[in-house]
C-alpha atoms as a PDB file:
ATOM      1  CA  MET A   1      17.632 125.523  42.546  1.00  0.00           C
ATOM      2  CA  ASN A   2      14.665 123.710  44.138  1.00  0.00           C
ATOM      3  CA  GLY A   3      12.638 123.899  40.931  1.00  0.00           C
ATOM      4  CA  GLU A   4       9.942 126.051  42.506  1.00  0.00           C
ATOM      5  CA  ILE A   5       8.059 129.073  41.170  1.00  0.00           C
ATOM      6  CA  HIS A   6       6.641 131.248  43.935  1.00  0.00           C
ATOM      7  CA  GLU A   7       3.658 133.421  43.102  1.00  0.00           C
ATOM      8  CA  TYR A   8       2.714 136.188  45.534  1.00  0.00           C
ATOM      9  CA  ASN A   9      -0.252 138.534  45.258  1.00  0.00           C
ATOM     10  CA  PRO A  10       0.381 141.636  47.403  1.00  0.00           C
ATOM     11  CA  SER A  11      -3.220 142.835  47.194  1.00  0.00           C
ATOM     12  CA  ASP A  12      -4.536 139.914  49.239  1.00  0.00           C
ATOM     13  CA  ASN A  13      -1.244 138.517  50.627  1.00  0.00           C
ATOM     14  CA  LEU A  14      -1.830 135.159  48.943  1.00  0.00           C
ATOM     15  CA  GLN A  15       1.183 133.020  48.060  1.00  0.00           C
ATOM     16  CA  LYS A  16       1.369 129.746  46.150  1.00  0.00           C
ATOM     17  CA  THR A  17       4.214 127.525  45.022  1.00  0.00           C
ATOM     18  CA  LEU A  18       4.478 125.649  41.741  1.00  0.00           C
ATOM     19  CA  THR A  19       6.999 122.786  41.622  1.00  0.00           C
ATOM     20  CA  ILE A  20       8.374 121.798  38.204  1.00  0.00           C
ATOM     21  CA  HIS A  21      11.046 119.281  39.340  1.00  0.00           C
ATOM     22  CA  GLN A  22      14.027 120.850  37.589  1.00  0.00           C
ATOM     23  CA  MET A  23      16.229 123.864  38.224  1.00  0.00           C
ATOM     24  CA  ILE A  24      14.828 127.173  36.913  1.00  0.00           C
ATOM     25  CA  GLY A  25      17.151 129.895  35.671  1.00  0.00           C
ATOM     26  CA  SER A  26      14.435 132.428  34.835  1.00  0.00           C
ATOM     27  CA  ILE A  27      10.818 132.835  33.815  1.00  0.00           C
ATOM     28  CA  ALA A  28       8.697 135.461  32.094  1.00  0.00           C
ATOM     29  CA  LEU A  29       4.995 135.784  31.501  1.00  0.00           C
ATOM     30  CA  CYS A  30       3.473 134.798  28.185  1.00  0.00           C
ATOM     31  CA  ARG A  31       0.624 136.832  26.775  1.00  0.00           C
ATOM     32  CA  ASN A  32      -1.677 133.843  27.342  1.00  0.00           C
ATOM     33  CA  GLY A  33      -0.940 133.935  31.096  1.00  0.00           C
ATOM     34  CA  ASN A  34       1.435 130.955  31.214  1.00  0.00           C
ATOM     35  CA  PHE A  35       5.234 131.127  31.580  1.00  0.00           C
ATOM     36  CA  ILE A  36       8.170 130.991  29.200  1.00  0.00           C
ATOM     37  CA  ALA A  37      11.224 129.685  31.025  1.00  0.00           C
ATOM     38  CA  ALA A  38      14.894 128.808  30.854  1.00  0.00           C
ATOM     39  CA  VAL A  39      15.180 125.588  32.857  1.00  0.00           C
ATOM     40  CA  LYS A  40      17.708 122.788  33.324  1.00  0.00           C
ATOM     41  CA  ASN A  41      16.614 121.034  30.116  1.00  0.00           C
ATOM     42  CA  GLY A  42      16.451 124.153  27.919  1.00  0.00           C
ATOM     43  CA  PHE A  43      13.812 126.654  26.876  1.00  0.00           C
ATOM     44  CA  GLY A  44      10.242 125.646  27.604  1.00  0.00           C
ATOM     45  CA  PHE A  45       6.680 126.675  28.282  1.00  0.00           C
ATOM     46  CA  ILE A  46       5.292 126.120  31.784  1.00  0.00           C
ATOM     47  CA  GLU A  47       1.560 125.743  32.305  1.00  0.00           C
ATOM     48  CA  ARG A  48       0.775 128.129  35.133  1.00  0.00           C
ATOM     49  CA  ASN A  49      -1.796 126.003  36.950  1.00  0.00           C
ATOM     50  CA  SER A  50      -0.319 122.522  36.663  1.00  0.00           C
ATOM     51  CA  GLY A  51       3.406 123.219  36.381  1.00  0.00           C
ATOM     52  CA  THR A  52       3.641 121.047  33.259  1.00  0.00           C
ATOM     53  CA  VAL A  53       6.844 121.810  31.328  1.00  0.00           C
ATOM     54  CA  SER A  54       6.898 121.562  27.525  1.00  0.00           C
ATOM     55  CA  ILE A  55      10.489 121.849  26.301  1.00  0.00           C
ATOM     56  CA  ILE A  56      10.926 123.904  23.121  1.00  0.00           C
ATOM     57  CA  ALA A  57      14.667 123.506  22.529  1.00  0.00           C
ATOM     58  CA  ASN A  58      17.873 122.733  24.381  1.00  0.00           C
ATOM     59  CA  PRO A  59      20.671 124.814  22.855  1.00  0.00           C
ATOM     60  CA  GLU A  60      23.359 123.051  24.919  1.00  0.00           C
ATOM     61  CA  PRO A  61      22.618 119.291  24.841  1.00  0.00           C
ATOM     62  CA  GLY A  62      26.313 118.449  24.989  1.00  0.00           C
ATOM     63  CA  LEU A  63      27.050 120.631  28.030  1.00  0.00           C
ATOM     64  CA  PRO A  64      25.514 118.885  31.076  1.00  0.00           C
ATOM     65  CA  GLY A  65      27.757 120.946  33.356  1.00  0.00           C
ATOM     66  CA  ASN A  66      25.964 124.153  32.355  1.00  0.00           C
ATOM     67  CA  ARG A  67      22.684 125.645  33.537  1.00  0.00           C
ATOM     68  CA  PHE A  68      20.525 128.594  32.529  1.00  0.00           C
ATOM     69  CA  ASN A  69      20.539 131.741  34.654  1.00  0.00           C
ATOM     70  CA  ASP A  70      18.849 135.131  34.192  1.00  0.00           C
ATOM     71  CA  GLY A  71      16.431 135.831  31.334  1.00  0.00           C
ATOM     72  CA  LYS A  72      13.859 138.370  30.195  1.00  0.00           C
ATOM     73  CA  CYS A  73      11.586 139.282  27.283  1.00  0.00           C
ATOM     74  CA  ASP A  74      12.493 142.123  24.945  1.00  0.00           C
ATOM     75  CA  PRO A  75      10.114 144.868  23.703  1.00  0.00           C
ATOM     76  CA  LYS A  76       9.033 142.713  20.736  1.00  0.00           C
ATOM     77  CA  GLY A  77       8.110 139.752  22.954  1.00  0.00           C
ATOM     78  CA  ARG A  78      11.160 137.522  22.350  1.00  0.00           C
ATOM     79  CA  PHE A  79      12.852 135.731  25.284  1.00  0.00           C
ATOM     80  CA  TRP A  80      16.568 136.147  26.021  1.00  0.00           C
ATOM     81  CA  ALA A  81      18.513 134.042  28.529  1.00  0.00           C
ATOM     82  CA  GLY A  82      22.073 132.969  29.190  1.00  0.00           C
ATOM     83  CA  THR A  83      23.912 129.976  30.608  1.00  0.00           C
ATOM     84  CA  MET A  84      26.775 129.431  33.020  1.00  0.00           C
ATOM     85  CA  SER A  85      28.784 126.591  34.505  1.00  0.00           C
ATOM     86  CA  HIS A  86      27.382 124.864  37.607  1.00  0.00           C
ATOM     87  CA  THR A  87      30.848 125.296  39.122  1.00  0.00           C
ATOM     88  CA  ASP A  88      31.351 128.899  37.935  1.00  0.00           C
ATOM     89  CA  GLU A  89      34.051 127.926  35.433  1.00  0.00           C
ATOM     90  CA  PRO A  90      34.902 131.038  33.409  1.00  0.00           C
ATOM     91  CA  GLU A  91      33.668 131.525  29.841  1.00  0.00           C
ATOM     92  CA  LYS A  92      31.728 128.238  29.693  1.00  0.00           C
ATOM     93  CA  GLY A  93      28.320 129.838  29.034  1.00  0.00           C
ATOM     94  CA  SER A  94      26.553 131.583  26.176  1.00  0.00           C
ATOM     95  CA  PHE A  95      23.686 134.009  25.721  1.00  0.00           C
ATOM     96  CA  TYR A  96      20.685 133.060  23.579  1.00  0.00           C
ATOM     97  CA  LEU A  97      17.603 134.497  21.915  1.00  0.00           C
ATOM     98  CA  LEU A  98      14.393 132.455  21.717  1.00  0.00           C
ATOM     99  CA  ASP A  99      12.457 134.071  18.870  1.00  0.00           C
ATOM    100  CA  LEU A 100       8.700 134.228  18.374  1.00  0.00           C
ATOM    101  CA  ASP A 101       8.866 131.350  15.870  1.00  0.00           C
ATOM    102  CA  LEU A 102      10.590 129.317  18.651  1.00  0.00           C
ATOM    103  CA  SER A 103      13.952 129.287  16.857  1.00  0.00           C
ATOM    104  CA  VAL A 104      17.049 129.754  19.040  1.00  0.00           C
ATOM    105  CA  THR A 105      20.080 131.893  18.142  1.00  0.00           C
ATOM    106  CA  LYS A 106      23.340 132.205  20.076  1.00  0.00           C
ATOM    107  CA  LYS A 107      24.072 135.914  20.582  1.00  0.00           C
ATOM    108  CA  ILE A 108      27.156 136.024  22.836  1.00  0.00           C
ATOM    109  CA  GLU A 109      29.828 133.373  23.446  1.00  0.00           C
ATOM    110  CA  ARG A 110      32.345 132.789  26.251  1.00  0.00           C
ATOM    111  CA  VAL A 111      30.064 134.103  28.994  1.00  0.00           C
ATOM    112  CA  SER A 112      31.060 133.323  32.583  1.00  0.00           C
ATOM    113  CA  ILE A 113      27.955 134.133  34.675  1.00  0.00           C
ATOM    114  CA  SER A 114      25.122 135.406  32.491  1.00  0.00           C
ATOM    115  CA  ASN A 115      23.066 137.822  34.547  1.00  0.00           C
ATOM    116  CA  GLY A 116      21.079 141.085  34.449  1.00  0.00           C
ATOM    117  CA  LEU A 117      19.588 142.467  31.246  1.00  0.00           C
ATOM    118  CA  ALA A 118      17.487 145.488  30.268  1.00  0.00           C
ATOM    119  CA  TRP A 119      16.505 147.598  27.256  1.00  0.00           C
ATOM    120  CA  SER A 120      16.705 151.379  27.088  1.00  0.00           C
ATOM    121  CA  LEU A 121      13.520 153.437  26.971  1.00  0.00           C
ATOM    122  CA  ASP A 122      13.933 154.181  23.266  1.00  0.00           C
ATOM    123  CA  GLN A 123      14.528 150.432  22.687  1.00  0.00           C
ATOM    124  CA  LYS A 124      17.759 151.159  20.805  1.00  0.00           C
ATOM    125  CA  THR A 125      20.219 149.968  23.463  1.00  0.00           C
ATOM    126  CA  PHE A 126      20.536 146.598  25.199  1.00  0.00           C
ATOM    127  CA  TYR A 127      22.271 146.393  28.587  1.00  0.00           C
ATOM    128  CA  TYR A 128      23.842 143.156  29.827  1.00  0.00           C
ATOM    129  CA  ILE A 129      25.799 141.893  32.843  1.00  0.00           C
ATOM    130  CA  ASP A 130      28.348 139.071  32.784  1.00  0.00           C
ATOM    131  CA  THR A 131      28.996 139.129  36.533  1.00  0.00           C
ATOM    132  CA  PRO A 132      32.791 138.539  36.823  1.00  0.00           C
ATOM    133  CA  THR A 133      33.502 141.433  34.438  1.00  0.00           C
ATOM    134  CA  PHE A 134      32.119 143.895  37.033  1.00  0.00           C
ATOM    135  CA  THR A 135      30.667 145.882  34.152  1.00  0.00           C
ATOM    136  CA  VAL A 136      27.353 146.619  32.470  1.00  0.00           C
ATOM    137  CA  ALA A 137      27.869 146.241  28.729  1.00  0.00           C
ATOM    138  CA  ALA A 138      25.802 148.251  26.254  1.00  0.00           C
ATOM    139  CA  PHE A 139      24.985 147.105  22.701  1.00  0.00           C
ATOM    140  CA  ASP A 140      23.178 148.771  19.835  1.00  0.00           C
ATOM    141  CA  PHE A 141      19.849 146.945  19.573  1.00  0.00           C
ATOM    142  CA  ASP A 142      17.784 146.461  16.414  1.00  0.00           C
ATOM    143  CA  ILE A 143      14.256 145.741  17.586  1.00  0.00           C
ATOM    144  CA  THR A 144      13.148 144.481  14.158  1.00  0.00           C
ATOM    145  CA  ASP A 145      15.442 141.466  13.979  1.00  0.00           C
ATOM    146  CA  GLY A 146      16.938 141.332  17.482  1.00  0.00           C
ATOM    147  CA  LEU A 147      20.490 142.053  16.347  1.00  0.00           C
ATOM    148  CA  ILE A 148      22.951 143.369  18.935  1.00  0.00           C
ATOM    149  CA  SER A 149      26.192 145.093  17.914  1.00  0.00           C
ATOM    150  CA  LYS A 150      28.877 147.634  18.870  1.00  0.00           C
ATOM    151  CA  LYS A 151      29.562 146.376  22.391  1.00  0.00           C
ATOM    152  CA  ARG A 152      30.954 148.933  24.822  1.00  0.00           C
ATOM    153  CA  THR A 153      31.138 149.448  28.591  1.00  0.00           C
ATOM    154  CA  ALA A 154      28.367 151.591  30.071  1.00  0.00           C
ATOM    155  CA  ILE A 155      29.097 151.103  33.788  1.00  0.00           C
ATOM    156  CA  ARG A 156      32.132 149.896  35.745  1.00  0.00           C
ATOM    157  CA  ILE A 157      31.300 148.451  39.170  1.00  0.00           C
ATOM    158  CA  PRO A 158      33.901 148.826  41.946  1.00  0.00           C
ATOM    159  CA  GLN A 159      34.662 145.375  43.370  1.00  0.00           C
ATOM    160  CA  GLN A 160      33.982 146.593  46.909  1.00  0.00           C
ATOM    161  CA  ASP A 161      30.334 147.168  45.870  1.00  0.00           C
ATOM    162  CA  GLY A 162      29.809 143.423  45.388  1.00  0.00           C
ATOM    163  CA  SER A 163      29.325 141.483  42.169  1.00  0.00           C
ATOM    164  CA  PRO A 164      26.649 142.829  39.785  1.00  0.00           C
ATOM    165  CA  ASP A 165      23.773 140.360  39.477  1.00  0.00           C
ATOM    166  CA  GLY A 166      20.191 141.015  38.313  1.00  0.00           C
ATOM    167  CA  MET A 167      19.123 144.370  36.880  1.00  0.00           C
ATOM    168  CA  THR A 168      16.092 146.447  35.912  1.00  0.00           C
ATOM    169  CA  ILE A 169      15.410 149.882  34.434  1.00  0.00           C
ATOM    170  CA  ASP A 170      13.172 152.704  35.674  1.00  0.00           C
ATOM    171  CA  SER A 171      11.002 155.282  33.907  1.00  0.00           C
ATOM    172  CA  GLN A 172      13.924 157.733  33.792  1.00  0.00           C
ATOM    173  CA  GLY A 173      16.178 155.234  32.016  1.00  0.00           C
ATOM    174  CA  MET A 174      18.345 154.586  35.063  1.00  0.00           C
ATOM    175  CA  LEU A 175      19.566 151.059  35.834  1.00  0.00           C
ATOM    176  CA  TRP A 176      18.995 149.319  39.189  1.00  0.00           C
ATOM    177  CA  ILE A 177      21.519 146.599  40.004  1.00  0.00           C
ATOM    178  CA  ALA A 178      21.490 143.875  42.662  1.00  0.00           C
ATOM    179  CA  HIS A 179      24.866 143.059  44.226  1.00  0.00           C
ATOM    180  CA  TRP A 180      25.865 139.512  45.155  1.00  0.00           C
ATOM    181  CA  ASP A 181      27.936 139.667  48.365  1.00  0.00           C
ATOM    182  CA  GLY A 182      27.369 143.417  48.295  1.00  0.00           C
ATOM    183  CA  TRP A 183      24.478 143.854  50.781  1.00  0.00           C
ATOM    184  CA  GLN A 184      22.819 146.430  48.516  1.00  0.00           C
ATOM    185  CA  ILE A 185      20.814 147.574  45.521  1.00  0.00           C
ATOM    186  CA  THR A 186      22.260 150.468  43.491  1.00  0.00           C
ATOM    187  CA  ARG A 187      20.940 152.919  40.884  1.00  0.00           C
ATOM    188  CA  TRP A 188      23.162 154.052  37.989  1.00  0.00           C
ATOM    189  CA  ASN A 189      23.078 156.439  35.046  1.00  0.00           C
ATOM    190  CA  PRO A 190      24.138 154.324  32.036  1.00  0.00           C
ATOM    191  CA  GLN A 191      24.888 157.456  29.996  1.00  0.00           C
ATOM    192  CA  THR A 192      27.540 158.690  32.432  1.00  0.00           C
ATOM    193  CA  GLY A 193      28.421 155.533  34.369  1.00  0.00           C
ATOM    194  CA  VAL A 194      27.756 157.374  37.643  1.00  0.00           C
ATOM    195  CA  LYS A 195      26.243 155.651  40.681  1.00  0.00           C
ATOM    196  CA  MET A 196      23.316 157.743  41.883  1.00  0.00           C
ATOM    197  CA  LEU A 197      21.949 155.781  44.833  1.00  0.00           C
ATOM    198  CA  SER A 198      22.742 152.864  47.130  1.00  0.00           C
ATOM    199  CA  ILE A 199      20.182 151.120  49.334  1.00  0.00           C
ATOM    200  CA  PRO A 200      21.593 148.771  52.018  1.00  0.00           C
ATOM    201  CA  LEU A 201      19.858 145.458  52.677  1.00  0.00           C
ATOM    202  CA  PRO A 202      20.076 143.017  55.618  1.00  0.00           C
ATOM    203  CA  VAL A 203      21.407 140.222  53.379  1.00  0.00           C
ATOM    204  CA  ALA A 204      24.683 139.812  51.490  1.00  0.00           C
ATOM    205  CA  ARG A 205      23.596 137.917  48.385  1.00  0.00           C
ATOM    206  CA  VAL A 206      21.178 140.255  46.655  1.00  0.00           C
ATOM    207  CA  THR A 207      20.198 138.635  43.369  1.00  0.00           C
ATOM    208  CA  SER A 208      17.688 140.705  41.374  1.00  0.00           C
ATOM    209  CA  CYS A 209      15.034 143.401  41.416  1.00  0.00           C
ATOM    210  CA  CYS A 210      11.968 144.611  39.546  1.00  0.00           C
ATOM    211  CA  PHE A 211       9.240 147.187  40.003  1.00  0.00           C
ATOM    212  CA  GLY A 212       5.685 146.249  40.951  1.00  0.00           C
ATOM    213  CA  GLY A 213       2.589 147.601  42.604  1.00  0.00           C
ATOM    214  CA  ASP A 214      -0.317 149.499  41.073  1.00  0.00           C
ATOM    215  CA  ASN A 215       1.880 152.331  39.759  1.00  0.00           C
ATOM    216  CA  PHE A 216       5.194 150.448  39.591  1.00  0.00           C
ATOM    217  CA  GLN A 217       6.448 152.413  42.588  1.00  0.00           C
ATOM    218  CA  ASP A 218       7.350 149.377  44.702  1.00  0.00           C
ATOM    219  CA  LEU A 219      10.763 147.756  44.245  1.00  0.00           C
ATOM    220  CA  TYR A 220      10.787 143.979  44.758  1.00  0.00           C
ATOM    221  CA  ILE A 221      14.194 142.483  45.582  1.00  0.00           C
ATOM    222  CA  THR A 222      15.254 138.829  45.667  1.00  0.00           C
ATOM    223  CA  SER A 223      18.131 137.340  47.634  1.00  0.00           C
ATOM    224  CA  ALA A 224      19.922 134.003  48.062  1.00  0.00           C
ATOM    225  CA  ARG A 225      21.131 131.898  50.990  1.00  0.00           C
ATOM    226  CA  THR A 226      23.024 129.319  48.948  1.00  0.00           C
ATOM    227  CA  GLY A 227      26.672 128.879  49.935  1.00  0.00           C
ATOM    228  CA  LEU A 228      26.342 130.649  53.285  1.00  0.00           C
ATOM    229  CA  ASN A 229      27.652 128.811  56.360  1.00  0.00           C
ATOM    230  CA  GLU A 230      25.951 128.564  59.737  1.00  0.00           C
ATOM    231  CA  ASP A 231      27.717 131.601  61.206  1.00  0.00           C
ATOM    232  CA  GLN A 232      26.893 133.734  58.182  1.00  0.00           C
ATOM    233  CA  LEU A 233      23.234 132.703  58.347  1.00  0.00           C
ATOM    234  CA  LYS A 234      23.118 133.724  62.019  1.00  0.00           C
ATOM    235  CA  ASN A 235      24.223 137.219  60.958  1.00  0.00           C
ATOM    236  CA  GLN A 236      21.663 137.396  58.130  1.00  0.00           C
ATOM    237  CA  PRO A 237      18.652 135.250  59.064  1.00  0.00           C
ATOM    238  CA  LEU A 238      16.610 136.832  56.261  1.00  0.00           C
ATOM    239  CA  ALA A 239      18.975 135.538  53.551  1.00  0.00           C
ATOM    240  CA  GLY A 240      16.929 134.008  50.744  1.00  0.00           C
ATOM    241  CA  SER A 241      13.946 136.274  51.381  1.00  0.00           C
ATOM    242  CA  LEU A 242      11.934 138.383  48.974  1.00  0.00           C
ATOM    243  CA  PHE A 243      11.903 142.037  50.030  1.00  0.00           C
ATOM    244  CA  VAL A 244       9.830 145.002  48.916  1.00  0.00           C
ATOM    245  CA  ILE A 245      10.514 148.727  49.300  1.00  0.00           C
ATOM    246  CA  ARG A 246       7.136 150.395  48.889  1.00  0.00           C
ATOM    247  CA  ASN A 247       6.808 153.835  47.286  1.00  0.00           C
ATOM    248  CA  ILE A 248      10.522 153.986  46.640  1.00  0.00           C
ATOM    249  CA  GLY A 249      10.254 157.393  44.977  1.00  0.00           C
ATOM    250  CA  TYR A 250      10.919 156.176  41.448  1.00  0.00           C
ATOM    251  CA  TYR A 251       8.690 154.518  38.889  1.00  0.00           C
ATOM    252  CA  GLY A 252       9.323 151.322  37.007  1.00  0.00           C
ATOM    253  CA  LEU A 253       7.807 150.031  33.799  1.00  0.00           C
ATOM    254  CA  PRO A 254       5.674 146.999  32.943  1.00  0.00           C
ATOM    255  CA  LEU A 255       7.787 144.004  31.966  1.00  0.00           C
ATOM    256  CA  PHE A 256       7.488 142.690  28.411  1.00  0.00           C
ATOM    257  CA  GLU A 257       5.611 139.435  27.839  1.00  0.00           C
ATOM    258  CA  PHE A 258       6.415 136.589  25.437  1.00  0.00           C
ATOM    259  CA  GLY A 259       4.419 136.424  22.203  1.00  0.00           C
ATOM    260  CA  SER A 260       3.471 138.567  19.240  1.00  0.00           C
END
C-alpha cells in the first residue's frame, strides 16, 4: 500500500527499500534482473535500481475503484495477476494474463479478491484462490497458449481456519496457503483436498508465502497490519513483519521469471 519494494539478502542480512510512488499488488523477477509488476496504474516494468516504472497496459482504465492484488509468472514466463475492489465489493475484479508479447487477456471475470496462484509440477493444472469463496479452484492448464478450462474445486477451506490468501507449491506438489485472520500457514494435498499440516504464527493477517534459501528449504511468510486497531496491535506487535521458518522439512521450487 505504501508503494515500496523491500529487498532482503539473507546471506549478508542486507535490506534495501525501493519506492515507486504507487500501490503495488505484486511483482515478479524478469530474466534481465528487473521486475514485472501489477501496480495501481496497470501492468508495468520496474527498473530494479532506480524504481522507474514503465507502464505496459492498464486493463481497467474505467475502474478507478479497483486495484491489482496477487500475481505470479507461469512456467512459460508469462505474468498473471488479478484485481479487486479497494472496498472489497464482491465480484468487481478480474484475472488477467500478460503475455510475452505484452498483450493482455482477461481470463476470469467477477472475481472478488484475487489471491494465491500456483501451477502443478507437471504444469497441467493451475490453482487459484478467490478469497471469499474459501476454496482453491483447479483448472486444466495448456502451457502452450495459456488457456485455462474445466474449473473445479480442489480444496475447501473451513471458515474457522481464516480466509485463504497467498499460496505456493512444494516439490511434492502440495499447496501451502496463508490465512488472513487465521494466524497460520497450512499445507494441503490438492488431489484429495486434505489438510496435512498447520503452522501457527504470532500474527492474525498472514498474507503469503514462498520458499527460499540455498536449497529452497526455508519458508518465507508475509503478514499485514492494515485494519488492525490499537488493542489488536498490542496483542500482535509483529503484525506486518516478514517471517522465515528455516529448514522447514520440505523443499520448494524456484519461482518462474518473466520473459522467453
